[in-house]
């Protein structure tokens, strides 16, 4: 195997997957739901999608939008108490069939959960039916030779989350100072303080 050629092939496949995301009016609807949120933004996903959801919650917090990751498995064992009225949920599931994610949505609605933004690629999935706003990832072709390891799909989820976070931040007029008071430490904190 030519390692450099294979690395380049994988990177190109993931970049192509991101470039192929269909940017529809649903993205404007998702941004509007996040801007109108009167509670906090909750993110959820299982497995690798859960890591993406956790990262998005951290990005939203640092850009001045209160957010928290809700683990779908733990939510079914008490963590659903995190859900409040006016909260918006962003649910990541490539298949759109992840049982725990679908259960979190159903149970969250019982306790007053607000709009649900679903992120999925499969054209026939339950998440498409239960989400108030559906962000379609487009067709995903994983570069894994086994066709199993989720990498292109995860790259797309990360990119969609970043696009939402940055767009909402800009529309809300968040300044470097706003960012700085939420990110005091490390290199970024020093950069904001002019260090």
C-alpha atoms as a PDB file:
ATOM      1  CA  UNK A   1       0.000   0.000   0.000  1.00  0.00           C
ATOM      2  CA  UNK A   2       1.174   3.490  -0.841  1.00  0.00           C
ATOM      3  CA  UNK A   3       0.497   5.160   2.510  1.00  0.00           C
ATOM      4  CA  UNK A   4       0.664   8.738   1.266  1.00  0.00           C
ATOM      5  CA  UNK A   5      -1.698   8.002  -1.603  1.00  0.00           C
ATOM      6  CA  UNK A   6      -4.163   6.273   0.726  1.00  0.00           C
ATOM      7  CA  UNK A   7      -4.072   9.151   3.230  1.00  0.00           C
ATOM      8  CA  UNK A   8      -4.716  11.630   0.410  1.00  0.00           C
ATOM      9  CA  UNK A   9      -7.580   9.463  -0.856  1.00  0.00           C
ATOM     10  CA  UNK A  10      -9.241   9.366   2.575  1.00  0.00           C
ATOM     11  CA  UNK A  11      -8.856  13.101   3.110  1.00  0.00           C
ATOM     12  CA  UNK A  12     -10.296  13.784  -0.338  1.00  0.00           C
ATOM     13  CA  UNK A  13     -13.268  11.489   0.361  1.00  0.00           C
ATOM     14  CA  UNK A  14     -14.075  13.262   3.610  1.00  0.00           C
ATOM     15  CA  UNK A  15     -13.686  16.712   2.039  1.00  0.00           C
ATOM     16  CA  UNK A  16     -15.961  15.642  -0.827  1.00  0.00           C
ATOM     17  CA  UNK A  17     -18.594  14.417   1.634  1.00  0.00           C
ATOM     18  CA  UNK A  18     -18.590  17.792   3.374  1.00  0.00           C
ATOM     19  CA  UNK A  19     -18.749  19.668   0.065  1.00  0.00           C
ATOM     20  CA  UNK A  20     -21.745  17.555  -1.001  1.00  0.00           C
ATOM     21  CA  UNK A  21     -23.957  18.519   1.962  1.00  0.00           C
ATOM     22  CA  UNK A  22     -27.191  19.912   0.489  1.00  0.00           C
ATOM     23  CA  UNK A  23     -27.546  23.385   2.025  1.00  0.00           C
ATOM     24  CA  UNK A  24     -31.326  23.735   1.985  1.00  0.00           C
ATOM     25  CA  UNK A  25     -33.709  26.226   3.644  1.00  0.00           C
ATOM     26  CA  UNK A  26     -33.802  23.786   6.576  1.00  0.00           C
ATOM     27  CA  UNK A  27     -30.471  25.245   7.694  1.00  0.00           C
ATOM     28  CA  UNK A  28     -32.086  28.680   8.020  1.00  0.00           C
ATOM     29  CA  UNK A  29     -34.900  27.049  10.006  1.00  0.00           C
ATOM     30  CA  UNK A  30     -32.351  25.410  12.313  1.00  0.00           C
ATOM     31  CA  UNK A  31     -30.538  28.698  12.881  1.00  0.00           C
ATOM     32  CA  UNK A  32     -33.873  30.420  13.596  1.00  0.00           C
ATOM     33  CA  UNK A  33     -34.772  27.735  16.155  1.00  0.00           C
ATOM     34  CA  UNK A  34     -31.425  28.167  17.892  1.00  0.00           C
ATOM     35  CA  UNK A  35     -31.764  31.975  17.908  1.00  0.00           C
ATOM     36  CA  UNK A  36     -35.277  31.714  19.361  1.00  0.00           C
ATOM     37  CA  UNK A  37     -34.245  29.229  22.052  1.00  0.00           C
ATOM     38  CA  UNK A  38     -35.455  30.446  25.462  1.00  0.00           C
ATOM     39  CA  UNK A  39     -33.800  27.644  27.388  1.00  0.00           C
ATOM     40  CA  UNK A  40     -30.602  25.859  26.509  1.00  0.00           C
ATOM     41  CA  UNK A  41     -29.457  23.869  23.524  1.00  0.00           C
ATOM     42  CA  UNK A  42     -29.145  20.155  24.155  1.00  0.00           C
ATOM     43  CA  UNK A  43     -27.178  17.913  21.834  1.00  0.00           C
ATOM     44  CA  UNK A  44     -27.422  14.141  21.639  1.00  0.00           C
ATOM     45  CA  UNK A  45     -26.093  11.201  19.717  1.00  0.00           C
ATOM     46  CA  UNK A  46     -24.873   7.682  20.380  1.00  0.00           C
ATOM     47  CA  UNK A  47     -21.371   6.345  19.790  1.00  0.00           C
ATOM     48  CA  UNK A  48     -19.227   8.459  17.474  1.00  0.00           C
ATOM     49  CA  UNK A  49     -22.205  10.736  16.782  1.00  0.00           C
ATOM     50  CA  UNK A  50     -22.336  11.331  20.536  1.00  0.00           C
ATOM     51  CA  UNK A  51     -18.755  12.600  20.487  1.00  0.00           C
ATOM     52  CA  UNK A  52     -19.771  15.041  17.749  1.00  0.00           C
ATOM     53  CA  UNK A  53     -22.762  16.155  19.825  1.00  0.00           C
ATOM     54  CA  UNK A  54     -20.559  16.689  22.889  1.00  0.00           C
ATOM     55  CA  UNK A  55     -18.118  18.767  20.812  1.00  0.00           C
ATOM     56  CA  UNK A  56     -20.945  20.913  19.426  1.00  0.00           C
ATOM     57  CA  UNK A  57     -22.263  21.613  22.936  1.00  0.00           C
ATOM     58  CA  UNK A  58     -18.773  22.764  23.965  1.00  0.00           C
ATOM     59  CA  UNK A  59     -18.486  25.009  20.889  1.00  0.00           C
ATOM     60  CA  UNK A  60     -21.905  26.567  21.531  1.00  0.00           C
ATOM     61  CA  UNK A  61     -20.998  27.289  25.163  1.00  0.00           C
ATOM     62  CA  UNK A  62     -17.765  29.020  24.157  1.00  0.00           C
ATOM     63  CA  UNK A  63     -19.707  31.114  21.648  1.00  0.00           C
ATOM     64  CA  UNK A  64     -22.139  32.335  24.329  1.00  0.00           C
ATOM     65  CA  UNK A  65     -25.063  29.976  23.751  1.00  0.00           C
ATOM     66  CA  UNK A  66     -25.806  27.804  26.809  1.00  0.00           C
ATOM     67  CA  UNK A  67     -25.627  24.156  25.760  1.00  0.00           C
ATOM     68  CA  UNK A  68     -25.162  20.701  27.235  1.00  0.00           C
ATOM     69  CA  UNK A  69     -24.622  17.199  25.914  1.00  0.00           C
ATOM     70  CA  UNK A  70     -27.374  14.750  26.843  1.00  0.00           C
ATOM     71  CA  UNK A  71     -26.162  11.162  26.633  1.00  0.00           C
ATOM     72  CA  UNK A  72     -29.116   9.210  25.225  1.00  0.00           C
ATOM     73  CA  UNK A  73     -28.411   6.107  27.301  1.00  0.00           C
ATOM     74  CA  UNK A  74     -28.017   8.036  30.560  1.00  0.00           C
ATOM     75  CA  UNK A  75     -31.079  10.138  29.735  1.00  0.00           C
ATOM     76  CA  UNK A  76     -33.188   6.997  29.980  1.00  0.00           C
ATOM     77  CA  UNK A  77     -31.856   6.471  33.506  1.00  0.00           C
ATOM     78  CA  UNK A  78     -32.475   9.890  35.040  1.00  0.00           C
ATOM     79  CA  UNK A  79     -30.485  12.432  33.046  1.00  0.00           C
ATOM     80  CA  UNK A  80     -33.686  13.419  31.247  1.00  0.00           C
ATOM     81  CA  UNK A  81     -33.998  15.809  34.188  1.00  0.00           C
ATOM     82  CA  UNK A  82     -31.654  18.073  32.243  1.00  0.00           C
ATOM     83  CA  UNK A  83     -34.447  18.785  29.754  1.00  0.00           C
ATOM     84  CA  UNK A  84     -36.446  21.947  30.377  1.00  0.00           C
ATOM     85  CA  UNK A  85     -39.209  23.842  28.636  1.00  0.00           C
ATOM     86  CA  UNK A  86     -37.901  25.982  25.824  1.00  0.00           C
ATOM     87  CA  UNK A  87     -34.852  23.788  25.243  1.00  0.00           C
ATOM     88  CA  UNK A  88     -33.859  22.947  21.676  1.00  0.00           C
ATOM     89  CA  UNK A  89     -32.426  19.511  20.913  1.00  0.00           C
ATOM     90  CA  UNK A  90     -29.947  18.763  18.130  1.00  0.00           C
ATOM     91  CA  UNK A  91     -29.948  15.008  17.500  1.00  0.00           C
ATOM     92  CA  UNK A  92     -27.193  13.354  15.460  1.00  0.00           C
ATOM     93  CA  UNK A  93     -27.759   9.912  13.921  1.00  0.00           C
ATOM     94  CA  UNK A  94     -26.298   8.915  10.573  1.00  0.00           C
ATOM     95  CA  UNK A  95     -28.837   6.109  10.206  1.00  0.00           C
ATOM     96  CA  UNK A  96     -31.643   8.097  11.819  1.00  0.00           C
ATOM     97  CA  UNK A  97     -32.694   4.854  13.477  1.00  0.00           C
ATOM     98  CA  UNK A  98     -30.688   4.930  16.707  1.00  0.00           C
ATOM     99  CA  UNK A  99     -33.178   3.646  19.274  1.00  0.00           C
ATOM    100  CA  UNK A 100     -31.801   5.589  22.244  1.00  0.00           C
ATOM    101  CA  UNK A 101     -31.823   8.883  20.326  1.00  0.00           C
ATOM    102  CA  UNK A 102     -35.414   8.362  19.185  1.00  0.00           C
ATOM    103  CA  UNK A 103     -36.463   7.516  22.748  1.00  0.00           C
ATOM    104  CA  UNK A 104     -34.812  10.678  24.097  1.00  0.00           C
ATOM    105  CA  UNK A 105     -36.830  12.743  21.624  1.00  0.00           C
ATOM    106  CA  UNK A 106     -40.121  11.050  22.542  1.00  0.00           C
ATOM    107  CA  UNK A 107     -39.508  11.260  26.282  1.00  0.00           C
ATOM    108  CA  UNK A 108     -38.151  14.806  26.065  1.00  0.00           C
ATOM    109  CA  UNK A 109     -41.337  15.992  24.407  1.00  0.00           C
ATOM    110  CA  UNK A 110     -43.285  14.689  27.403  1.00  0.00           C
ATOM    111  CA  UNK A 111     -41.389  17.051  29.692  1.00  0.00           C
ATOM    112  CA  UNK A 112     -41.660  20.147  27.499  1.00  0.00           C
ATOM    113  CA  UNK A 113     -38.750  19.871  25.063  1.00  0.00           C
ATOM    114  CA  UNK A 114     -38.916  22.483  22.328  1.00  0.00           C
ATOM    115  CA  UNK A 115     -37.938  22.057  18.678  1.00  0.00           C
ATOM    116  CA  UNK A 116     -35.838  19.081  17.603  1.00  0.00           C
ATOM    117  CA  UNK A 117     -33.211  19.518  14.903  1.00  0.00           C
ATOM    118  CA  UNK A 118     -32.289  16.161  13.380  1.00  0.00           C
ATOM    119  CA  UNK A 119     -29.065  15.490  11.485  1.00  0.00           C
ATOM    120  CA  UNK A 120     -29.061  12.305   9.377  1.00  0.00           C
ATOM    121  CA  UNK A 121     -28.128  10.943   5.981  1.00  0.00           C
ATOM    122  CA  UNK A 122     -30.450   8.013   5.444  1.00  0.00           C
ATOM    123  CA  UNK A 123     -33.444   8.874   3.253  1.00  0.00           C
ATOM    124  CA  UNK A 124     -35.704   6.457   5.102  1.00  0.00           C
ATOM    125  CA  UNK A 125     -35.288   6.987   8.809  1.00  0.00           C
ATOM    126  CA  UNK A 126     -37.472   7.576  11.809  1.00  0.00           C
ATOM    127  CA  UNK A 127     -35.494  10.715  12.729  1.00  0.00           C
ATOM    128  CA  UNK A 128     -36.805  12.388   9.564  1.00  0.00           C
ATOM    129  CA  UNK A 129     -40.345  11.808  10.822  1.00  0.00           C
ATOM    130  CA  UNK A 130     -39.880  13.021  14.405  1.00  0.00           C
ATOM    131  CA  UNK A 131     -37.589  16.037  13.872  1.00  0.00           C
ATOM    132  CA  UNK A 132     -39.111  19.502  13.533  1.00  0.00           C
ATOM    133  CA  UNK A 133     -36.177  20.560  11.350  1.00  0.00           C
ATOM    134  CA  UNK A 134     -34.216  17.995   9.353  1.00  0.00           C
ATOM    135  CA  UNK A 135     -30.664  18.691   8.192  1.00  0.00           C
ATOM    136  CA  UNK A 136     -29.823  16.198   5.478  1.00  0.00           C
ATOM    137  CA  UNK A 137     -26.180  15.121   5.411  1.00  0.00           C
ATOM    138  CA  UNK A 138     -26.501  13.961   1.824  1.00  0.00           C
ATOM    139  CA  UNK A 139     -25.358  10.567   0.589  1.00  0.00           C
ATOM    140  CA  UNK A 140     -22.409   9.281   2.577  1.00  0.00           C
ATOM    141  CA  UNK A 141     -19.752   6.951   1.198  1.00  0.00           C
ATOM    142  CA  UNK A 142     -17.345   5.974   3.947  1.00  0.00           C
ATOM    143  CA  UNK A 143     -13.749   5.664   2.679  1.00  0.00           C
ATOM    144  CA  UNK A 144     -13.187   2.648   4.947  1.00  0.00           C
ATOM    145  CA  UNK A 145     -12.390  -0.322   2.704  1.00  0.00           C
ATOM    146  CA  UNK A 146     -14.772  -2.398   4.842  1.00  0.00           C
ATOM    147  CA  UNK A 147     -17.500   0.216   4.365  1.00  0.00           C
ATOM    148  CA  UNK A 148     -18.070   0.209   8.116  1.00  0.00           C
ATOM    149  CA  UNK A 149     -15.898   2.707  10.007  1.00  0.00           C
ATOM    150  CA  UNK A 150     -17.792   6.017  10.307  1.00  0.00           C
ATOM    151  CA  UNK A 151     -15.368   8.708   9.205  1.00  0.00           C
ATOM    152  CA  UNK A 152     -16.852  10.683   6.303  1.00  0.00           C
ATOM    153  CA  UNK A 153     -20.194  10.704   8.126  1.00  0.00           C
ATOM    154  CA  UNK A 154     -18.543  12.024  11.281  1.00  0.00           C
ATOM    155  CA  UNK A 155     -16.642  14.683   9.318  1.00  0.00           C
ATOM    156  CA  UNK A 156     -19.956  15.838   7.837  1.00  0.00           C
ATOM    157  CA  UNK A 157     -21.647  15.951  11.252  1.00  0.00           C
ATOM    158  CA  UNK A 158     -18.771  18.002  12.665  1.00  0.00           C
ATOM    159  CA  UNK A 159     -18.917  20.423   9.748  1.00  0.00           C
ATOM    160  CA  UNK A 160     -22.689  20.853  10.053  1.00  0.00           C
ATOM    161  CA  UNK A 161     -22.363  21.519  13.783  1.00  0.00           C
ATOM    162  CA  UNK A 162     -19.596  24.055  13.211  1.00  0.00           C
ATOM    163  CA  UNK A 163     -21.618  25.800  10.487  1.00  0.00           C
ATOM    164  CA  UNK A 164     -24.604  26.133  12.820  1.00  0.00           C
ATOM    165  CA  UNK A 165     -22.512  27.377  15.755  1.00  0.00           C
ATOM    166  CA  UNK A 166     -20.618  29.997  13.776  1.00  0.00           C
ATOM    167  CA  UNK A 167     -23.691  31.249  11.930  1.00  0.00           C
ATOM    168  CA  UNK A 168     -25.675  31.635  15.155  1.00  0.00           C
ATOM    169  CA  UNK A 169     -22.713  33.329  16.846  1.00  0.00           C
ATOM    170  CA  UNK A 170     -22.401  35.843  14.021  1.00  0.00           C
ATOM    171  CA  UNK A 171     -26.133  36.542  13.846  1.00  0.00           C
ATOM    172  CA  UNK A 172     -26.240  37.147  17.606  1.00  0.00           C
ATOM    173  CA  UNK A 173     -23.407  39.670  17.323  1.00  0.00           C
ATOM    174  CA  UNK A 174     -21.032  37.841  19.655  1.00  0.00           C
ATOM    175  CA  UNK A 175     -17.771  39.791  19.968  1.00  0.00           C
ATOM    176  CA  UNK A 176     -14.225  38.760  20.780  1.00  0.00           C
ATOM    177  CA  UNK A 177     -14.834  40.127  24.277  1.00  0.00           C
ATOM    178  CA  UNK A 178     -17.946  37.955  24.670  1.00  0.00           C
ATOM    179  CA  UNK A 179     -15.898  34.974  23.554  1.00  0.00           C
ATOM    180  CA  UNK A 180     -13.023  35.893  25.856  1.00  0.00           C
ATOM    181  CA  UNK A 181     -15.029  35.950  29.078  1.00  0.00           C
ATOM    182  CA  UNK A 182     -16.110  32.384  28.321  1.00  0.00           C
ATOM    183  CA  UNK A 183     -12.685  31.190  27.220  1.00  0.00           C
ATOM    184  CA  UNK A 184     -10.265  32.844  29.599  1.00  0.00           C
ATOM    185  CA  UNK A 185      -7.563  30.178  29.668  1.00  0.00           C
ATOM    186  CA  UNK A 186      -5.080  28.864  27.153  1.00  0.00           C
ATOM    187  CA  UNK A 187      -3.947  30.235  23.839  1.00  0.00           C
ATOM    188  CA  UNK A 188      -7.388  31.503  22.778  1.00  0.00           C
ATOM    189  CA  UNK A 189      -7.854  33.358  26.049  1.00  0.00           C
ATOM    190  CA  UNK A 190      -4.448  34.999  25.630  1.00  0.00           C
ATOM    191  CA  UNK A 191      -5.258  35.855  22.001  1.00  0.00           C
ATOM    192  CA  UNK A 192      -8.483  37.611  23.014  1.00  0.00           C
ATOM    193  CA  UNK A 193      -6.650  39.546  25.759  1.00  0.00           C
ATOM    194  CA  UNK A 194      -3.965  40.556  23.245  1.00  0.00           C
ATOM    195  CA  UNK A 195      -1.286  38.345  24.859  1.00  0.00           C
END
